[in-house]
Amino acid sequence: AGELEKLAYEAAVRSLDKQEGLLEEMRSRTGVLLAASS
C-alpha cells in the first residue's frame, strides 16, 4: 500500500527540481548573453 502515491510524489519532486534547474541554467546563460551583447 502507498507505493503508487509515493512514486507520484517523487516524480512531482523531480519535475519541480528539473524546472528549477532549467530556470537557473537559463538565467546563467542570460548573464553570458548580456555580457556578449555589451
PDB file of all heavy atoms in Angstrom:
ATOM      1  N   ALA A   1       0.836  -1.195   0.000  1.00  0.00           N
ATOM      2  CA  ALA A   1       0.000   0.000   0.000  1.00  0.00           C
ATOM      3  C   ALA A   1       0.871   1.245   0.000  1.00  0.00           C
ATOM      4  O   ALA A   1       1.921   1.301   0.627  1.00  0.00           O
ATOM      5  CB  ALA A   1      -0.910  -0.007   1.228  1.00  0.00           C
ATOM      6  N   GLY A   2       0.459   2.232  -0.744  1.00  0.00           N
ATOM      7  CA  GLY A   2       1.144   3.513  -0.713  1.00  0.00           C
ATOM      8  C   GLY A   2       2.266   3.676  -1.716  1.00  0.00           C
ATOM      9  O   GLY A   2       2.827   4.763  -1.827  1.00  0.00           O
ATOM     10  N   GLU A   3       2.630   2.641  -2.439  1.00  0.00           N
ATOM     11  CA  GLU A   3       3.738   2.749  -3.386  1.00  0.00           C
ATOM     12  C   GLU A   3       3.415   3.697  -4.532  1.00  0.00           C
ATOM     13  O   GLU A   3       4.261   4.473  -4.958  1.00  0.00           O
ATOM     14  CB  GLU A   3       4.115   1.365  -3.924  1.00  0.00           C
ATOM     15  CG  GLU A   3       4.796   0.481  -2.908  1.00  0.00           C
ATOM     16  CD  GLU A   3       6.109   1.060  -2.396  1.00  0.00           C
ATOM     17  OE1 GLU A   3       6.925   1.533  -3.215  1.00  0.00           O
ATOM     18  OE2 GLU A   3       6.312   1.046  -1.171  1.00  0.00           O
ATOM     19  N   LEU A   4       2.190   3.630  -5.026  1.00  0.00           N
ATOM     20  CA  LEU A   4       1.786   4.496  -6.131  1.00  0.00           C
ATOM     21  C   LEU A   4       1.821   5.960  -5.715  1.00  0.00           C
ATOM     22  O   LEU A   4       2.330   6.819  -6.445  1.00  0.00           O
ATOM     23  CB  LEU A   4       0.382   4.117  -6.619  1.00  0.00           C
ATOM     24  CG  LEU A   4      -0.175   4.964  -7.760  1.00  0.00           C
ATOM     25  CD1 LEU A   4       0.711   4.832  -8.994  1.00  0.00           C
ATOM     26  CD2 LEU A   4      -1.603   4.525  -8.075  1.00  0.00           C
ATOM     27  N   GLU A   5       1.322   6.252  -4.530  1.00  0.00           N
ATOM     28  CA  GLU A   5       1.297   7.618  -4.035  1.00  0.00           C
ATOM     29  C   GLU A   5       2.716   8.155  -3.830  1.00  0.00           C
ATOM     30  O   GLU A   5       3.027   9.292  -4.184  1.00  0.00           O
ATOM     31  CB  GLU A   5       0.510   7.710  -2.715  1.00  0.00           C
ATOM     32  CG  GLU A   5      -0.979   7.489  -2.856  1.00  0.00           C
ATOM     33  CD  GLU A   5      -1.380   6.015  -2.898  1.00  0.00           C
ATOM     34  OE1 GLU A   5      -0.499   5.121  -2.831  1.00  0.00           O
ATOM     35  OE2 GLU A   5      -2.599   5.767  -3.013  1.00  0.00           O
ATOM     36  N   LYS A   6       3.577   7.318  -3.285  1.00  0.00           N
ATOM     37  CA  LYS A   6       4.958   7.726  -3.053  1.00  0.00           C
ATOM     38  C   LYS A   6       5.686   7.933  -4.379  1.00  0.00           C
ATOM     39  O   LYS A   6       6.448   8.887  -4.539  1.00  0.00           O
ATOM     40  CB  LYS A   6       5.688   6.683  -2.207  1.00  0.00           C
ATOM     41  CG  LYS A   6       7.030   7.147  -1.718  1.00  0.00           C
ATOM     42  CD  LYS A   6       7.623   6.187  -0.713  1.00  0.00           C
ATOM     43  CE  LYS A   6       8.931   6.738  -0.199  1.00  0.00           C
ATOM     44  NZ  LYS A   6       9.536   5.874   0.810  1.00  0.00           N
ATOM     45  N   LEU A   7       5.427   7.061  -5.346  1.00  0.00           N
ATOM     46  CA  LEU A   7       6.023   7.193  -6.666  1.00  0.00           C
ATOM     47  C   LEU A   7       5.567   8.494  -7.337  1.00  0.00           C
ATOM     48  O   LEU A   7       6.380   9.215  -7.931  1.00  0.00           O
ATOM     49  CB  LEU A   7       5.640   5.985  -7.526  1.00  0.00           C
ATOM     50  CG  LEU A   7       6.220   5.928  -8.924  1.00  0.00           C
ATOM     51  CD1 LEU A   7       7.738   5.786  -8.871  1.00  0.00           C
ATOM     52  CD2 LEU A   7       5.594   4.770  -9.688  1.00  0.00           C
ATOM     53  N   ALA A   8       4.277   8.810  -7.231  1.00  0.00           N
ATOM     54  CA  ALA A   8       3.744  10.052  -7.806  1.00  0.00           C
ATOM     55  C   ALA A   8       4.378  11.265  -7.141  1.00  0.00           C
ATOM     56  O   ALA A   8       4.742  12.247  -7.812  1.00  0.00           O
ATOM     57  CB  ALA A   8       2.230  10.092  -7.662  1.00  0.00           C
ATOM     58  N   TYR A   9       4.536  11.220  -5.830  1.00  0.00           N
ATOM     59  CA  TYR A   9       5.168  12.323  -5.100  1.00  0.00           C
ATOM     60  C   TYR A   9       6.621  12.507  -5.546  1.00  0.00           C
ATOM     61  O   TYR A   9       7.059  13.624  -5.826  1.00  0.00           O
ATOM     62  CB  TYR A   9       5.106  12.051  -3.590  1.00  0.00           C
ATOM     63  CG  TYR A   9       6.061  12.899  -2.797  1.00  0.00           C
ATOM     64  CD1 TYR A   9       5.826  14.253  -2.611  1.00  0.00           C
ATOM     65  CD2 TYR A   9       7.227  12.352  -2.258  1.00  0.00           C
ATOM     66  CE1 TYR A   9       6.716  15.049  -1.898  1.00  0.00           C
ATOM     67  CE2 TYR A   9       8.114  13.131  -1.558  1.00  0.00           C
ATOM     68  CZ  TYR A   9       7.860  14.475  -1.371  1.00  0.00           C
ATOM     69  OH  TYR A   9       8.746  15.252  -0.680  1.00  0.00           O
ATOM     70  N   GLU A  10       7.370  11.422  -5.639  1.00  0.00           N
ATOM     71  CA  GLU A  10       8.773  11.516  -6.049  1.00  0.00           C
ATOM     72  C   GLU A  10       8.914  12.041  -7.475  1.00  0.00           C
ATOM     73  O   GLU A  10       9.819  12.824  -7.770  1.00  0.00           O
ATOM     74  CB  GLU A  10       9.458  10.157  -5.892  1.00  0.00           C
ATOM     75  CG  GLU A  10       9.644   9.759  -4.435  1.00  0.00           C
ATOM     76  CD  GLU A  10      10.087   8.322  -4.235  1.00  0.00           C
ATOM     77  OE1 GLU A  10      10.151   7.553  -5.235  1.00  0.00           O
ATOM     78  OE2 GLU A  10      10.368   7.962  -3.075  1.00  0.00           O
ATOM     79  N   ALA A  11       7.988  11.642  -8.347  1.00  0.00           N
ATOM     80  CA  ALA A  11       8.008  12.152  -9.724  1.00  0.00           C
ATOM     81  C   ALA A  11       7.716  13.651  -9.733  1.00  0.00           C
ATOM     82  O   ALA A  11       8.347  14.413 -10.487  1.00  0.00           O
ATOM     83  CB  ALA A  11       6.989  11.409 -10.573  1.00  0.00           C
ATOM     84  N   ALA A  12       6.785  14.093  -8.907  1.00  0.00           N
ATOM     85  CA  ALA A  12       6.459  15.518  -8.828  1.00  0.00           C
ATOM     86  C   ALA A  12       7.642  16.326  -8.304  1.00  0.00           C
ATOM     87  O   ALA A  12       7.932  17.421  -8.801  1.00  0.00           O
ATOM     88  CB  ALA A  12       5.231  15.738  -7.946  1.00  0.00           C
ATOM     89  N   VAL A  13       8.347  15.779  -7.331  1.00  0.00           N
ATOM     90  CA  VAL A  13       9.528  16.456  -6.782  1.00  0.00           C
ATOM     91  C   VAL A  13      10.611  16.564  -7.863  1.00  0.00           C
ATOM     92  O   VAL A  13      11.210  17.630  -8.050  1.00  0.00           O
ATOM     93  CB  VAL A  13      10.082  15.702  -5.548  1.00  0.00           C
ATOM     94  CG1 VAL A  13      11.459  16.210  -5.159  1.00  0.00           C
ATOM     95  CG2 VAL A  13       9.128  15.848  -4.375  1.00  0.00           C
ATOM     96  N   ARG A  14      10.855  15.480  -8.591  1.00  0.00           N
ATOM     97  CA  ARG A  14      11.861  15.508  -9.664  1.00  0.00           C
ATOM     98  C   ARG A  14      11.489  16.518 -10.747  1.00  0.00           C
ATOM     99  O   ARG A  14      12.346  17.251 -11.241  1.00  0.00           O
ATOM    100  CB  ARG A  14      12.049  14.116 -10.273  1.00  0.00           C
ATOM    101  CG  ARG A  14      12.947  13.209  -9.460  1.00  0.00           C
ATOM    102  CD  ARG A  14      13.353  11.963 -10.225  1.00  0.00           C
ATOM    103  NE  ARG A  14      12.239  11.197 -10.764  1.00  0.00           N
ATOM    104  CZ  ARG A  14      11.502  10.321 -10.083  1.00  0.00           C
ATOM    105  NH1 ARG A  14      11.781  10.093  -8.812  1.00  0.00           N
ATOM    106  NH2 ARG A  14      10.517   9.671 -10.661  1.00  0.00           N
ATOM    107  N   SER A  15      10.236  16.568 -11.119  1.00  0.00           N
ATOM    108  CA  SER A  15       9.788  17.523 -12.147  1.00  0.00           C
ATOM    109  C   SER A  15      10.025  18.956 -11.704  1.00  0.00           C
ATOM    110  O   SER A  15      10.500  19.792 -12.479  1.00  0.00           O
ATOM    111  CB  SER A  15       8.306  17.325 -12.452  1.00  0.00           C
ATOM    112  OG  SER A  15       8.066  16.096 -13.050  1.00  0.00           O
ATOM    113  N   LEU A  16       9.691  19.242 -10.468  1.00  0.00           N
ATOM    114  CA  LEU A  16       9.881  20.594  -9.941  1.00  0.00           C
ATOM    115  C   LEU A  16      11.367  20.935  -9.825  1.00  0.00           C
ATOM    116  O   LEU A  16      11.776  22.055 -10.134  1.00  0.00           O
ATOM    117  CB  LEU A  16       9.181  20.713  -8.584  1.00  0.00           C
ATOM    118  CG  LEU A  16       8.668  22.065  -8.167  1.00  0.00           C
ATOM    119  CD1 LEU A  16       7.786  22.693  -9.231  1.00  0.00           C
ATOM    120  CD2 LEU A  16       7.911  21.976  -6.855  1.00  0.00           C
ATOM    121  N   ASP A  17      12.178  19.963  -9.421  1.00  0.00           N
ATOM    122  CA  ASP A  17      13.630  20.175  -9.350  1.00  0.00           C
ATOM    123  C   ASP A  17      14.216  20.453 -10.735  1.00  0.00           C
ATOM    124  O   ASP A  17      15.062  21.333 -10.901  1.00  0.00           O
ATOM    125  CB  ASP A  17      14.339  18.966  -8.732  1.00  0.00           C
ATOM    126  CG  ASP A  17      14.157  18.876  -7.228  1.00  0.00           C
ATOM    127  OD1 ASP A  17      13.740  19.879  -6.607  1.00  0.00           O
ATOM    128  OD2 ASP A  17      14.427  17.791  -6.664  1.00  0.00           O
ATOM    129  N   LYS A  18      13.762  19.700 -11.732  1.00  0.00           N
ATOM    130  CA  LYS A  18      14.248  19.914 -13.101  1.00  0.00           C
ATOM    131  C   LYS A  18      13.834  21.294 -13.607  1.00  0.00           C
ATOM    132  O   LYS A  18      14.605  21.969 -14.284  1.00  0.00           O
ATOM    133  CB  LYS A  18      13.727  18.831 -14.040  1.00  0.00           C
ATOM    134  CG  LYS A  18      14.429  17.517 -13.884  1.00  0.00           C
ATOM    135  CD  LYS A  18      13.930  16.502 -14.891  1.00  0.00           C
ATOM    136  CE  LYS A  18      14.702  15.210 -14.756  1.00  0.00           C
ATOM    137  NZ  LYS A  18      14.328  14.241 -15.791  1.00  0.00           N
ATOM    138  N   GLN A  19      12.628  21.701 -13.267  1.00  0.00           N
ATOM    139  CA  GLN A  19      12.149  23.014 -13.689  1.00  0.00           C
ATOM    140  C   GLN A  19      12.989  24.120 -13.051  1.00  0.00           C
ATOM    141  O   GLN A  19      13.358  25.088 -13.719  1.00  0.00           O
ATOM    142  CB  GLN A  19      10.673  23.166 -13.301  1.00  0.00           C
ATOM    143  CG  GLN A  19       9.998  24.358 -13.907  1.00  0.00           C
ATOM    144  CD  GLN A  19       8.549  24.448 -13.479  1.00  0.00           C
ATOM    145  OE1 GLN A  19       8.256  24.438 -12.293  1.00  0.00           O
ATOM    146  NE2 GLN A  19       7.654  24.529 -14.448  1.00  0.00           N
ATOM    147  N   GLU A  20      13.309  23.959 -11.795  1.00  0.00           N
ATOM    148  CA  GLU A  20      14.151  24.949 -11.110  1.00  0.00           C
ATOM    149  C   GLU A  20      15.553  24.978 -11.725  1.00  0.00           C
ATOM    150  O   GLU A  20      16.141  26.040 -11.927  1.00  0.00           O
ATOM    151  CB  GLU A  20      14.235  24.639  -9.621  1.00  0.00           C
ATOM    152  CG  GLU A  20      14.963  25.693  -8.824  1.00  0.00           C
ATOM    153  CD  GLU A  20      14.947  25.421  -7.330  1.00  0.00           C
ATOM    154  OE1 GLU A  20      14.763  24.249  -6.920  1.00  0.00           O
ATOM    155  OE2 GLU A  20      15.124  26.389  -6.566  1.00  0.00           O
ATOM    156  N   GLY A  21      16.083  23.806 -12.057  1.00  0.00           N
ATOM    157  CA  GLY A  21      17.397  23.737 -12.707  1.00  0.00           C
ATOM    158  C   GLY A  21      17.385  24.411 -14.066  1.00  0.00           C
ATOM    159  O   GLY A  21      18.330  25.108 -14.435  1.00  0.00           O
ATOM    160  N   LEU A  22      16.303  24.228 -14.818  1.00  0.00           N
ATOM    161  CA  LEU A  22      16.158  24.876 -16.117  1.00  0.00           C
ATOM    162  C   LEU A  22      16.172  26.394 -15.962  1.00  0.00           C
ATOM    163  O   LEU A  22      16.834  27.098 -16.724  1.00  0.00           O
ATOM    164  CB  LEU A  22      14.863  24.427 -16.789  1.00  0.00           C
ATOM    165  CG  LEU A  22      14.480  25.141 -18.074  1.00  0.00           C
ATOM    166  CD1 LEU A  22      15.452  24.765 -19.199  1.00  0.00           C
ATOM    167  CD2 LEU A  22      13.054  24.797 -18.470  1.00  0.00           C
ATOM    168  N   LEU A  23      15.468  26.878 -14.967  1.00  0.00           N
ATOM    169  CA  LEU A  23      15.435  28.323 -14.715  1.00  0.00           C
ATOM    170  C   LEU A  23      16.821  28.848 -14.353  1.00  0.00           C
ATOM    171  O   LEU A  23      17.256  29.884 -14.871  1.00  0.00           O
ATOM    172  CB  LEU A  23      14.442  28.647 -13.603  1.00  0.00           C
ATOM    173  CG  LEU A  23      14.352  30.103 -13.189  1.00  0.00           C
ATOM    174  CD1 LEU A  23      13.819  30.964 -14.337  1.00  0.00           C
ATOM    175  CD2 LEU A  23      13.476  30.258 -11.961  1.00  0.00           C
ATOM    176  N   GLU A  24      17.523  28.152 -13.489  1.00  0.00           N
ATOM    177  CA  GLU A  24      18.872  28.575 -13.102  1.00  0.00           C
ATOM    178  C   GLU A  24      19.814  28.584 -14.308  1.00  0.00           C
ATOM    179  O   GLU A  24      20.610  29.511 -14.475  1.00  0.00           O
ATOM    180  CB  GLU A  24      19.418  27.653 -12.011  1.00  0.00           C
ATOM    181  CG  GLU A  24      18.738  27.831 -10.675  1.00  0.00           C
ATOM    182  CD  GLU A  24      19.155  26.786  -9.647  1.00  0.00           C
ATOM    183  OE1 GLU A  24      20.074  25.978  -9.932  1.00  0.00           O
ATOM    184  OE2 GLU A  24      18.555  26.765  -8.562  1.00  0.00           O
ATOM    185  N   GLU A  25      19.708  27.562 -15.144  1.00  0.00           N
ATOM    186  CA  GLU A  25      20.560  27.486 -16.332  1.00  0.00           C
ATOM    187  C   GLU A  25      20.233  28.621 -17.307  1.00  0.00           C
ATOM    188  O   GLU A  25      21.132  29.251 -17.868  1.00  0.00           O
ATOM    189  CB  GLU A  25      20.371  26.137 -17.028  1.00  0.00           C
ATOM    190  CG  GLU A  25      21.245  25.964 -18.243  1.00  0.00           C
ATOM    191  CD  GLU A  25      21.021  24.628 -18.929  1.00  0.00           C
ATOM    192  OE1 GLU A  25      20.510  23.694 -18.286  1.00  0.00           O
ATOM    193  OE2 GLU A  25      21.365  24.537 -20.118  1.00  0.00           O
ATOM    194  N   MET A  26      18.947  28.898 -17.483  1.00  0.00           N
ATOM    195  CA  MET A  26      18.551  29.972 -18.391  1.00  0.00           C
ATOM    196  C   MET A  26      19.070  31.318 -17.877  1.00  0.00           C
ATOM    197  O   MET A  26      19.565  32.130 -18.649  1.00  0.00           O
ATOM    198  CB  MET A  26      17.022  30.030 -18.522  1.00  0.00           C
ATOM    199  CG  MET A  26      16.550  31.023 -19.553  1.00  0.00           C
ATOM    200  SD  MET A  26      14.753  31.287 -19.655  1.00  0.00           S
ATOM    201  CE  MET A  26      14.033  29.761 -19.151  1.00  0.00           C
ATOM    202  N   ARG A  27      19.006  31.526 -16.586  1.00  0.00           N
ATOM    203  CA  ARG A  27      19.492  32.789 -16.030  1.00  0.00           C
ATOM    204  C   ARG A  27      21.011  32.887 -16.130  1.00  0.00           C
ATOM    205  O   ARG A  27      21.543  33.969 -16.380  1.00  0.00           O
ATOM    206  CB  ARG A  27      19.014  32.951 -14.590  1.00  0.00           C
ATOM    207  CG  ARG A  27      17.539  33.320 -14.549  1.00  0.00           C
ATOM    208  CD  ARG A  27      17.056  33.642 -13.182  1.00  0.00           C
ATOM    209  NE  ARG A  27      15.759  34.301 -13.246  1.00  0.00           N
ATOM    210  CZ  ARG A  27      14.915  34.344 -12.248  1.00  0.00           C
ATOM    211  NH1 ARG A  27      15.224  33.784 -11.084  1.00  0.00           N
ATOM    212  NH2 ARG A  27      13.766  34.961 -12.382  1.00  0.00           N
ATOM    213  N   SER A  28      21.709  31.780 -15.977  1.00  0.00           N
ATOM    214  CA  SER A  28      23.165  31.800 -16.151  1.00  0.00           C
ATOM    215  C   SER A  28      23.532  32.137 -17.584  1.00  0.00           C
ATOM    216  O   SER A  28      24.408  32.964 -17.844  1.00  0.00           O
ATOM    217  CB  SER A  28      23.772  30.445 -15.793  1.00  0.00           C
ATOM    218  OG  SER A  28      23.634  30.183 -14.433  1.00  0.00           O
ATOM    219  N   ARG A  29      22.851  31.511 -18.518  1.00  0.00           N
ATOM    220  CA  ARG A  29      23.116  31.783 -19.927  1.00  0.00           C
ATOM    221  C   ARG A  29      22.733  33.215 -20.298  1.00  0.00           C
ATOM    222  O   ARG A  29      23.340  33.815 -21.179  1.00  0.00           O
ATOM    223  CB  ARG A  29      22.369  30.795 -20.810  1.00  0.00           C
ATOM    224  CG  ARG A  29      22.934  29.407 -20.728  1.00  0.00           C
ATOM    225  CD  ARG A  29      22.188  28.465 -21.622  1.00  0.00           C
ATOM    226  NE  ARG A  29      22.743  27.126 -21.515  1.00  0.00           N
ATOM    227  CZ  ARG A  29      22.566  26.194 -22.415  1.00  0.00           C
ATOM    228  NH1 ARG A  29      21.840  26.435 -23.487  1.00  0.00           N
ATOM    229  NH2 ARG A  29      23.097  25.009 -22.249  1.00  0.00           N
ATOM    230  N   THR A  30      21.732  33.728 -19.637  1.00  0.00           N
ATOM    231  CA  THR A  30      21.317  35.107 -19.906  1.00  0.00           C
ATOM    232  C   THR A  30      22.408  36.082 -19.480  1.00  0.00           C
ATOM    233  O   THR A  30      22.628  37.098 -20.142  1.00  0.00           O
ATOM    234  CB  THR A  30      19.993  35.423 -19.187  1.00  0.00           C
ATOM    235  OG1 THR A  30      18.996  34.540 -19.696  1.00  0.00           O
ATOM    236  CG2 THR A  30      19.564  36.849 -19.418  1.00  0.00           C
ATOM    237  N   GLY A  31      23.101  35.782 -18.394  1.00  0.00           N
ATOM    238  CA  GLY A  31      24.224  36.619 -17.991  1.00  0.00           C
ATOM    239  C   GLY A  31      25.295  36.662 -19.063  1.00  0.00           C
ATOM    240  O   GLY A  31      25.857  37.720 -19.362  1.00  0.00           O
ATOM    241  N   VAL A  32      25.563  35.521 -19.679  1.00  0.00           N
ATOM    242  CA  VAL A  32      26.532  35.452 -20.773  1.00  0.00           C
ATOM    243  C   VAL A  32      26.017  36.234 -21.973  1.00  0.00           C
ATOM    244  O   VAL A  32      26.775  36.972 -22.623  1.00  0.00           O
ATOM    245  CB  VAL A  32      26.831  33.983 -21.150  1.00  0.00           C
ATOM    246  CG1 VAL A  32      27.694  33.897 -22.383  1.00  0.00           C
ATOM    247  CG2 VAL A  32      27.481  33.255 -19.978  1.00  0.00           C
ATOM    248  N   LEU A  33      24.744  36.097 -22.271  1.00  0.00           N
ATOM    249  CA  LEU A  33      24.129  36.826 -23.385  1.00  0.00           C
ATOM    250  C   LEU A  33      24.244  38.333 -23.175  1.00  0.00           C
ATOM    251  O   LEU A  33      24.617  39.073 -24.090  1.00  0.00           O
ATOM    252  CB  LEU A  33      22.654  36.423 -23.509  1.00  0.00           C
ATOM    253  CG  LEU A  33      21.816  37.115 -24.564  1.00  0.00           C
ATOM    254  CD1 LEU A  33      22.256  36.676 -25.955  1.00  0.00           C
ATOM    255  CD2 LEU A  33      20.349  36.786 -24.355  1.00  0.00           C
ATOM    256  N   LEU A  34      23.956  38.782 -21.978  1.00  0.00           N
ATOM    257  CA  LEU A  34      24.046  40.209 -21.655  1.00  0.00           C
ATOM    258  C   LEU A  34      25.479  40.708 -21.779  1.00  0.00           C
ATOM    259  O   LEU A  34      25.737  41.777 -22.346  1.00  0.00           O
ATOM    260  CB  LEU A  34      23.507  40.455 -20.243  1.00  0.00           C
ATOM    261  CG  LEU A  34      23.398  41.876 -19.759  1.00  0.00           C
ATOM    262  CD1 LEU A  34      22.513  42.706 -20.683  1.00  0.00           C
ATOM    263  CD2 LEU A  34      22.829  41.902 -18.344  1.00  0.00           C
ATOM    264  N   ALA A  35      26.425  39.921 -21.286  1.00  0.00           N
ATOM    265  CA  ALA A  35      27.836  40.306 -21.386  1.00  0.00           C
ATOM    266  C   ALA A  35      28.286  40.354 -22.844  1.00  0.00           C
ATOM    267  O   ALA A  35      28.978  41.298 -23.257  1.00  0.00           O
ATOM    268  CB  ALA A  35      28.702  39.324 -20.597  1.00  0.00           C
ATOM    269  N   ALA A  36      27.879  39.368 -23.639  1.00  0.00           N
ATOM    270  CA  ALA A  36      28.270  39.341 -25.045  1.00  0.00           C
ATOM    271  C   ALA A  36      27.693  40.529 -25.803  1.00  0.00           C
ATOM    272  O   ALA A  36      28.379  41.155 -26.620  1.00  0.00           O
ATOM    273  CB  ALA A  36      27.810  38.038 -25.699  1.00  0.00           C
ATOM    274  N   SER A  37      26.463  40.860 -25.522  1.00  0.00           N
ATOM    275  CA  SER A  37      25.827  41.996 -26.186  1.00  0.00           C
ATOM    276  C   SER A  37      26.529  43.304 -25.816  1.00  0.00           C
ATOM    277  O   SER A  37      26.779  44.152 -26.675  1.00  0.00           O
ATOM    278  CB  SER A  37      24.344  42.057 -25.801  1.00  0.00           C
ATOM    279  OG  SER A  37      23.684  43.043 -26.530  1.00  0.00           O
ATOM    280  N   SER A  38      26.866  43.429 -24.557  1.00  0.00           N
ATOM    281  CA  SER A  38      27.565  44.641 -24.097  1.00  0.00           C
ATOM    282  C   SER A  38      28.968  44.737 -24.679  1.00  0.00           C
ATOM    283  O   SER A  38      29.410  45.818 -25.087  1.00  0.00           O
ATOM    284  CB  SER A  38      27.629  44.656 -22.570  1.00  0.00           C
ATOM    285  OG  SER A  38      26.334  44.686 -22.032  1.00  0.00           O
TER     286      SER A  38
END
